[in-house]
Amino acid sequence: MNLLPLEVLPGWPQPEPVSDLTLVMLTIVGPLALGAVIALLAFGPKLARRQRDEARGTDVERVHRA
């Protein structure tokens, strides 16, 4: 599945055609996986802190309002 004709400079080797699965992995699955990793890095500590506070029985909202 080539959307655009691929032209290379003279003297350069011709690239091999890309399969549909590889194209989908690179354009859809890869960015979604990277976004999920970044989201976990950003929100993971907050979620872990919330679960730890709930396990202790601390009212998180009462502590944050004070």
PDB file of N, CA and C in Angstrom:
ATOM      1  N   MET A   1       0.852  -1.170   0.000  1.00  0.00           N
ATOM      2  CA  MET A   1       0.000   0.000   0.000  1.00  0.00           C
ATOM      3  C   MET A   1       0.897   1.231   0.000  1.00  0.00           C
ATOM      4  N   ASN A   2       1.163   1.728  -1.152  1.00  0.00           N
ATOM      5  CA  ASN A   2       1.959   2.945  -1.277  1.00  0.00           C
ATOM      6  C   ASN A   2       1.042   4.081  -1.678  1.00  0.00           C
ATOM      7  N   LEU A   3       0.950   5.072  -0.799  1.00  0.00           N
ATOM      8  CA  LEU A   3       0.075   6.196  -1.077  1.00  0.00           C
ATOM      9  C   LEU A   3       0.718   7.178  -2.047  1.00  0.00           C
ATOM     10  N   LEU A   4       2.013   7.306  -1.950  1.00  0.00           N
ATOM     11  CA  LEU A   4       2.743   8.212  -2.831  1.00  0.00           C
ATOM     12  C   LEU A   4       3.821   7.438  -3.574  1.00  0.00           C
ATOM     13  N   PRO A   5       4.076   7.801  -4.811  1.00  0.00           N
ATOM     14  CA  PRO A   5       5.185   7.134  -5.495  1.00  0.00           C
ATOM     15  C   PRO A   5       6.502   7.529  -4.825  1.00  0.00           C
ATOM     16  N   LEU A   6       7.327   6.558  -4.561  1.00  0.00           N
ATOM     17  CA  LEU A   6       8.577   6.798  -3.867  1.00  0.00           C
ATOM     18  C   LEU A   6       9.705   6.912  -4.874  1.00  0.00           C
ATOM     19  N   GLU A   7      10.340   8.059  -4.888  1.00  0.00           N
ATOM     20  CA  GLU A   7      11.474   8.279  -5.785  1.00  0.00           C
ATOM     21  C   GLU A   7      12.704   8.547  -4.939  1.00  0.00           C
ATOM     22  N   VAL A   8      13.815   7.988  -5.360  1.00  0.00           N
ATOM     23  CA  VAL A   8      15.067   8.192  -4.636  1.00  0.00           C
ATOM     24  C   VAL A   8      16.056   8.896  -5.554  1.00  0.00           C
ATOM     25  N   LEU A   9      17.092   9.438  -4.958  1.00  0.00           N
ATOM     26  CA  LEU A   9      18.121  10.123  -5.728  1.00  0.00           C
ATOM     27  C   LEU A   9      18.888   9.125  -6.586  1.00  0.00           C
ATOM     28  N   PRO A  10      19.424   9.584  -7.708  1.00  0.00           N
ATOM     29  CA  PRO A  10      20.211   8.677  -8.554  1.00  0.00           C
ATOM     30  C   PRO A  10      21.399   8.113  -7.773  1.00  0.00           C
ATOM     31  N   GLY A  11      21.618   6.816  -7.897  1.00  0.00           N
ATOM     32  CA  GLY A  11      22.715   6.158  -7.219  1.00  0.00           C
ATOM     33  C   GLY A  11      22.319   5.555  -5.880  1.00  0.00           C
ATOM     34  N   TRP A  12      21.180   5.917  -5.365  1.00  0.00           N
ATOM     35  CA  TRP A  12      20.708   5.358  -4.096  1.00  0.00           C
ATOM     36  C   TRP A  12      19.963   4.054  -4.385  1.00  0.00           C
ATOM     37  N   PRO A  13      20.006   3.097  -3.477  1.00  0.00           N
ATOM     38  CA  PRO A  13      19.266   1.843  -3.708  1.00  0.00           C
ATOM     39  C   PRO A  13      17.762   2.059  -3.573  1.00  0.00           C
ATOM     40  N   GLN A  14      17.010   1.290  -4.310  1.00  0.00           N
ATOM     41  CA  GLN A  14      15.557   1.357  -4.229  1.00  0.00           C
ATOM     42  C   GLN A  14      15.108   0.721  -2.908  1.00  0.00           C
ATOM     43  N   PRO A  15      14.236   1.375  -2.154  1.00  0.00           N
ATOM     44  CA  PRO A  15      13.753   0.784  -0.897  1.00  0.00           C
ATOM     45  C   PRO A  15      12.791  -0.365  -1.167  1.00  0.00           C
ATOM     46  N   GLU A  16      12.736  -1.284  -0.212  1.00  0.00           N
ATOM     47  CA  GLU A  16      11.803  -2.399  -0.331  1.00  0.00           C
ATOM     48  C   GLU A  16      10.394  -1.903  -0.013  1.00  0.00           C
ATOM     49  N   PRO A  17       9.393  -2.478  -0.633  1.00  0.00           N
ATOM     50  CA  PRO A  17       8.020  -2.054  -0.317  1.00  0.00           C
ATOM     51  C   PRO A  17       7.661  -2.394   1.136  1.00  0.00           C
ATOM     52  N   VAL A  18       6.825  -1.560   1.727  1.00  0.00           N
ATOM     53  CA  VAL A  18       6.415  -1.722   3.110  1.00  0.00           C
ATOM     54  C   VAL A  18       5.076  -2.445   3.147  1.00  0.00           C
ATOM     55  N   SER A  19       4.954  -3.424   4.038  1.00  0.00           N
ATOM     56  CA  SER A  19       3.690  -4.145   4.146  1.00  0.00           C
ATOM     57  C   SER A  19       2.643  -3.272   4.848  1.00  0.00           C
ATOM     58  N   ASP A  20       1.391  -3.638   4.681  1.00  0.00           N
ATOM     59  CA  ASP A  20       0.298  -2.889   5.314  1.00  0.00           C
ATOM     60  C   ASP A  20       0.401  -2.944   6.835  1.00  0.00           C
ATOM     61  N   LEU A  21       0.770  -4.097   7.369  1.00  0.00           N
ATOM     62  CA  LEU A  21       0.882  -4.246   8.817  1.00  0.00           C
ATOM     63  C   LEU A  21       1.977  -3.328   9.378  1.00  0.00           C
ATOM     64  N   THR A  22       3.091  -3.254   8.698  1.00  0.00           N
ATOM     65  CA  THR A  22       4.176  -2.371   9.147  1.00  0.00           C
ATOM     66  C   THR A  22       3.742  -0.921   9.100  1.00  0.00           C
ATOM     67  N   LEU A  23       3.041  -0.540   8.072  1.00  0.00           N
ATOM     68  CA  LEU A  23       2.569   0.827   7.938  1.00  0.00           C
ATOM     69  C   LEU A  23       1.585   1.181   9.060  1.00  0.00           C
ATOM     70  N   VAL A  24       0.673   0.276   9.378  1.00  0.00           N
ATOM     71  CA  VAL A  24      -0.287   0.517  10.457  1.00  0.00           C
ATOM     72  C   VAL A  24       0.437   0.588  11.799  1.00  0.00           C
ATOM     73  N   MET A  25       1.391  -0.291  12.012  1.00  0.00           N
ATOM     74  CA  MET A  25       2.137  -0.283  13.272  1.00  0.00           C
ATOM     75  C   MET A  25       2.893   1.035  13.456  1.00  0.00           C
ATOM     76  N   LEU A  26       3.493   1.542  12.402  1.00  0.00           N
ATOM     77  CA  LEU A  26       4.284   2.769  12.501  1.00  0.00           C
ATOM     78  C   LEU A  26       3.429   4.023  12.611  1.00  0.00           C
ATOM     79  N   THR A  27       2.263   4.026  11.992  1.00  0.00           N
ATOM     80  CA  THR A  27       1.472   5.254  11.962  1.00  0.00           C
ATOM     81  C   THR A  27       0.357   5.312  12.996  1.00  0.00           C
ATOM     82  N   ILE A  28      -0.099   4.160  13.503  1.00  0.00           N
ATOM     83  CA  ILE A  28      -1.215   4.174  14.451  1.00  0.00           C
ATOM     84  C   ILE A  28      -0.807   3.577  15.800  1.00  0.00           C
ATOM     85  N   VAL A  29      -0.343   2.351  15.805  1.00  0.00           N
ATOM     86  CA  VAL A  29      -0.051   1.654  17.054  1.00  0.00           C
ATOM     87  C   VAL A  29       1.147   2.273  17.768  1.00  0.00           C
ATOM     88  N   GLY A  30       2.183   2.623  17.033  1.00  0.00           N
ATOM     89  CA  GLY A  30       3.372   3.206  17.648  1.00  0.00           C
ATOM     90  C   GLY A  30       3.095   4.504  18.385  1.00  0.00           C
ATOM     91  N   PRO A  31       2.460   5.491  17.748  1.00  0.00           N
ATOM     92  CA  PRO A  31       2.145   6.731  18.469  1.00  0.00           C
ATOM     93  C   PRO A  31       1.198   6.530  19.649  1.00  0.00           C
ATOM     94  N   LEU A  32       0.220   5.634  19.522  1.00  0.00           N
ATOM     95  CA  LEU A  32      -0.675   5.368  20.651  1.00  0.00           C
ATOM     96  C   LEU A  32       0.079   4.741  21.822  1.00  0.00           C
ATOM     97  N   ALA A  33       0.983   3.826  21.531  1.00  0.00           N
ATOM     98  CA  ALA A  33       1.775   3.205  22.598  1.00  0.00           C
ATOM     99  C   ALA A  33       2.682   4.229  23.262  1.00  0.00           C
ATOM    100  N   LEU A  34       3.298   5.095  22.487  1.00  0.00           N
ATOM    101  CA  LEU A  34       4.152   6.139  23.051  1.00  0.00           C
ATOM    102  C   LEU A  34       3.326   7.088  23.920  1.00  0.00           C
ATOM    103  N   GLY A  35       2.136   7.453  23.470  1.00  0.00           N
ATOM    104  CA  GLY A  35       1.264   8.312  24.259  1.00  0.00           C
ATOM    105  C   GLY A  35       0.848   7.652  25.564  1.00  0.00           C
ATOM    106  N   ALA A  36       0.601   6.337  25.538  1.00  0.00           N
ATOM    107  CA  ALA A  36       0.233   5.621  26.757  1.00  0.00           C
ATOM    108  C   ALA A  36       1.385   5.604  27.752  1.00  0.00           C
ATOM    109  N   VAL A  37       2.593   5.416  27.270  1.00  0.00           N
ATOM    110  CA  VAL A  37       3.763   5.424  28.160  1.00  0.00           C
ATOM    111  C   VAL A  37       3.949   6.797  28.778  1.00  0.00           C
ATOM    112  N   ILE A  38       3.811   7.838  27.987  1.00  0.00           N
ATOM    113  CA  ILE A  38       3.970   9.204  28.509  1.00  0.00           C
ATOM    114  C   ILE A  38       2.866   9.511  29.522  1.00  0.00           C
ATOM    115  N   ALA A  39       1.643   9.080  29.233  1.00  0.00           N
ATOM    116  CA  ALA A  39       0.539   9.306  30.178  1.00  0.00           C
ATOM    117  C   ALA A  39       0.781   8.580  31.491  1.00  0.00           C
ATOM    118  N   LEU A  40       1.286   7.355  31.433  1.00  0.00           N
ATOM    119  CA  LEU A  40       1.590   6.625  32.668  1.00  0.00           C
ATOM    120  C   LEU A  40       2.696   7.304  33.457  1.00  0.00           C
ATOM    121  N   LEU A  41       3.692   7.821  32.771  1.00  0.00           N
ATOM    122  CA  LEU A  41       4.764   8.530  33.469  1.00  0.00           C
ATOM    123  C   LEU A  41       4.251   9.812  34.114  1.00  0.00           C
ATOM    124  N   ALA A  42       3.296  10.461  33.481  1.00  0.00           N
ATOM    125  CA  ALA A  42       2.781  11.721  34.006  1.00  0.00           C
ATOM    126  C   ALA A  42       1.770  11.503  35.132  1.00  0.00           C
ATOM    127  N   PHE A  43       0.856  10.544  34.973  1.00  0.00           N
ATOM    128  CA  PHE A  43      -0.223  10.358  35.937  1.00  0.00           C
ATOM    129  C   PHE A  43       0.018   9.219  36.921  1.00  0.00           C
ATOM    130  N   GLY A  44       1.004   8.388  36.675  1.00  0.00           N
ATOM    131  CA  GLY A  44       1.268   7.247  37.542  1.00  0.00           C
ATOM    132  C   GLY A  44       1.556   7.621  38.982  1.00  0.00           C
ATOM    133  N   PRO A  45       2.455   8.568  39.235  1.00  0.00           N
ATOM    134  CA  PRO A  45       2.734   8.930  40.627  1.00  0.00           C
ATOM    135  C   PRO A  45       1.501   9.461  41.365  1.00  0.00           C
ATOM    136  N   LYS A  46       0.672  10.232  40.686  1.00  0.00           N
ATOM    137  CA  LYS A  46      -0.535  10.764  41.323  1.00  0.00           C
ATOM    138  C   LYS A  46      -1.506   9.641  41.666  1.00  0.00           C
ATOM    139  N   LEU A  47      -1.684   8.694  40.754  1.00  0.00           N
ATOM    140  CA  LEU A  47      -2.578   7.571  41.025  1.00  0.00           C
ATOM    141  C   LEU A  47      -2.043   6.694  42.148  1.00  0.00           C
ATOM    142  N   ALA A  48      -0.739   6.478  42.169  1.00  0.00           N
ATOM    143  CA  ALA A  48      -0.149   5.661  43.231  1.00  0.00           C
ATOM    144  C   ALA A  48      -0.293   6.351  44.580  1.00  0.00           C
ATOM    145  N   ARG A  49      -0.108   7.667  44.617  1.00  0.00           N
ATOM    146  CA  ARG A  49      -0.246   8.422  45.855  1.00  0.00           C
ATOM    147  C   ARG A  49      -1.688   8.358  46.357  1.00  0.00           C
ATOM    148  N   ARG A  50      -2.658   8.468  45.442  1.00  0.00           N
ATOM    149  CA  ARG A  50      -4.068   8.413  45.825  1.00  0.00           C
ATOM    150  C   ARG A  50      -4.409   7.049  46.418  1.00  0.00           C
ATOM    151  N   GLN A  51      -3.927   5.969  45.797  1.00  0.00           N
ATOM    152  CA  GLN A  51      -4.207   4.636  46.319  1.00  0.00           C
ATOM    153  C   GLN A  51      -3.548   4.428  47.674  1.00  0.00           C
ATOM    154  N   ARG A  52      -2.341   4.945  47.853  1.00  0.00           N
ATOM    155  CA  ARG A  52      -1.658   4.806  49.130  1.00  0.00           C
ATOM    156  C   ARG A  52      -2.411   5.558  50.223  1.00  0.00           C
ATOM    157  N   ASP A  53      -2.901   6.754  49.916  1.00  0.00           N
ATOM    158  CA  ASP A  53      -3.648   7.532  50.893  1.00  0.00           C
ATOM    159  C   ASP A  53      -4.977   6.862  51.240  1.00  0.00           C
ATOM    160  N   GLU A  54      -5.647   6.285  50.257  1.00  0.00           N
ATOM    161  CA  GLU A  54      -6.904   5.588  50.524  1.00  0.00           C
ATOM    162  C   GLU A  54      -6.664   4.343  51.371  1.00  0.00           C
ATOM    163  N   ALA A  55      -5.542   3.669  51.171  1.00  0.00           N
ATOM    164  CA  ALA A  55      -5.238   2.477  51.957  1.00  0.00           C
ATOM    165  C   ALA A  55      -4.976   2.844  53.417  1.00  0.00           C
ATOM    166  N   ARG A  56      -4.423   4.023  53.658  1.00  0.00           N
ATOM    167  CA  ARG A  56      -4.171   4.477  55.021  1.00  0.00           C
ATOM    168  C   ARG A  56      -5.451   4.942  55.707  1.00  0.00           C
ATOM    169  N   GLY A  57      -6.471   5.242  54.924  1.00  0.00           N
ATOM    170  CA  GLY A  57      -7.714   5.740  55.492  1.00  0.00           C
ATOM    171  C   GLY A  57      -7.735   7.250  55.602  1.00  0.00           C
ATOM    172  N   THR A  58      -6.800   7.926  54.959  1.00  0.00           N
ATOM    173  CA  THR A  58      -6.744   9.379  54.995  1.00  0.00           C
ATOM    174  C   THR A  58      -7.748   9.935  54.008  1.00  0.00           C
ATOM    175  N   ASP A  59      -8.487  10.939  54.427  1.00  0.00           N
ATOM    176  CA  ASP A  59      -9.417  11.610  53.525  1.00  0.00           C
ATOM    177  C   ASP A  59      -8.615  12.605  52.707  1.00  0.00           C
ATOM    178  N   VAL A  60      -8.376  12.274  51.449  1.00  0.00           N
ATOM    179  CA  VAL A  60      -7.503  13.078  50.594  1.00  0.00           C
ATOM    180  C   VAL A  60      -8.081  14.470  50.384  1.00  0.00           C
ATOM    181  N   GLU A  61      -9.392  14.577  50.171  1.00  0.00           N
ATOM    182  CA  GLU A  61      -9.974  15.888  49.893  1.00  0.00           C
ATOM    183  C   GLU A  61      -9.929  16.782  51.134  1.00  0.00           C
ATOM    184  N   ARG A  62     -10.111  16.196  52.313  1.00  0.00           N
ATOM    185  CA  ARG A  62     -10.061  16.983  53.537  1.00  0.00           C
ATOM    186  C   ARG A  62      -8.663  17.548  53.746  1.00  0.00           C
ATOM    187  N   VAL A  63      -7.650  16.775  53.406  1.00  0.00           N
ATOM    188  CA  VAL A  63      -6.258  17.226  53.575  1.00  0.00           C
ATOM    189  C   VAL A  63      -5.952  18.323  52.583  1.00  0.00           C
ATOM    190  N   HIS A  64      -6.433  18.199  51.352  1.00  0.00           N
ATOM    191  CA  HIS A  64      -6.133  19.203  50.327  1.00  0.00           C
ATOM    192  C   HIS A  64      -6.906  20.507  50.536  1.00  0.00           C
ATOM    193  N   ARG A  65      -8.062  20.451  51.175  1.00  0.00           N
ATOM    194  CA  ARG A  65      -8.838  21.679  51.401  1.00  0.00           C
ATOM    195  C   ARG A  65      -8.220  22.545  52.484  1.00  0.00           C
ATOM    196  N   ALA A  66      -7.563  21.957  53.434  1.00  0.00           N
ATOM    197  CA  ALA A  66      -7.014  22.702  54.574  1.00  0.00           C
ATOM    198  C   ALA A  66      -5.847  23.552  54.205  1.00  0.00           C
TER     199      ALA A  66
END
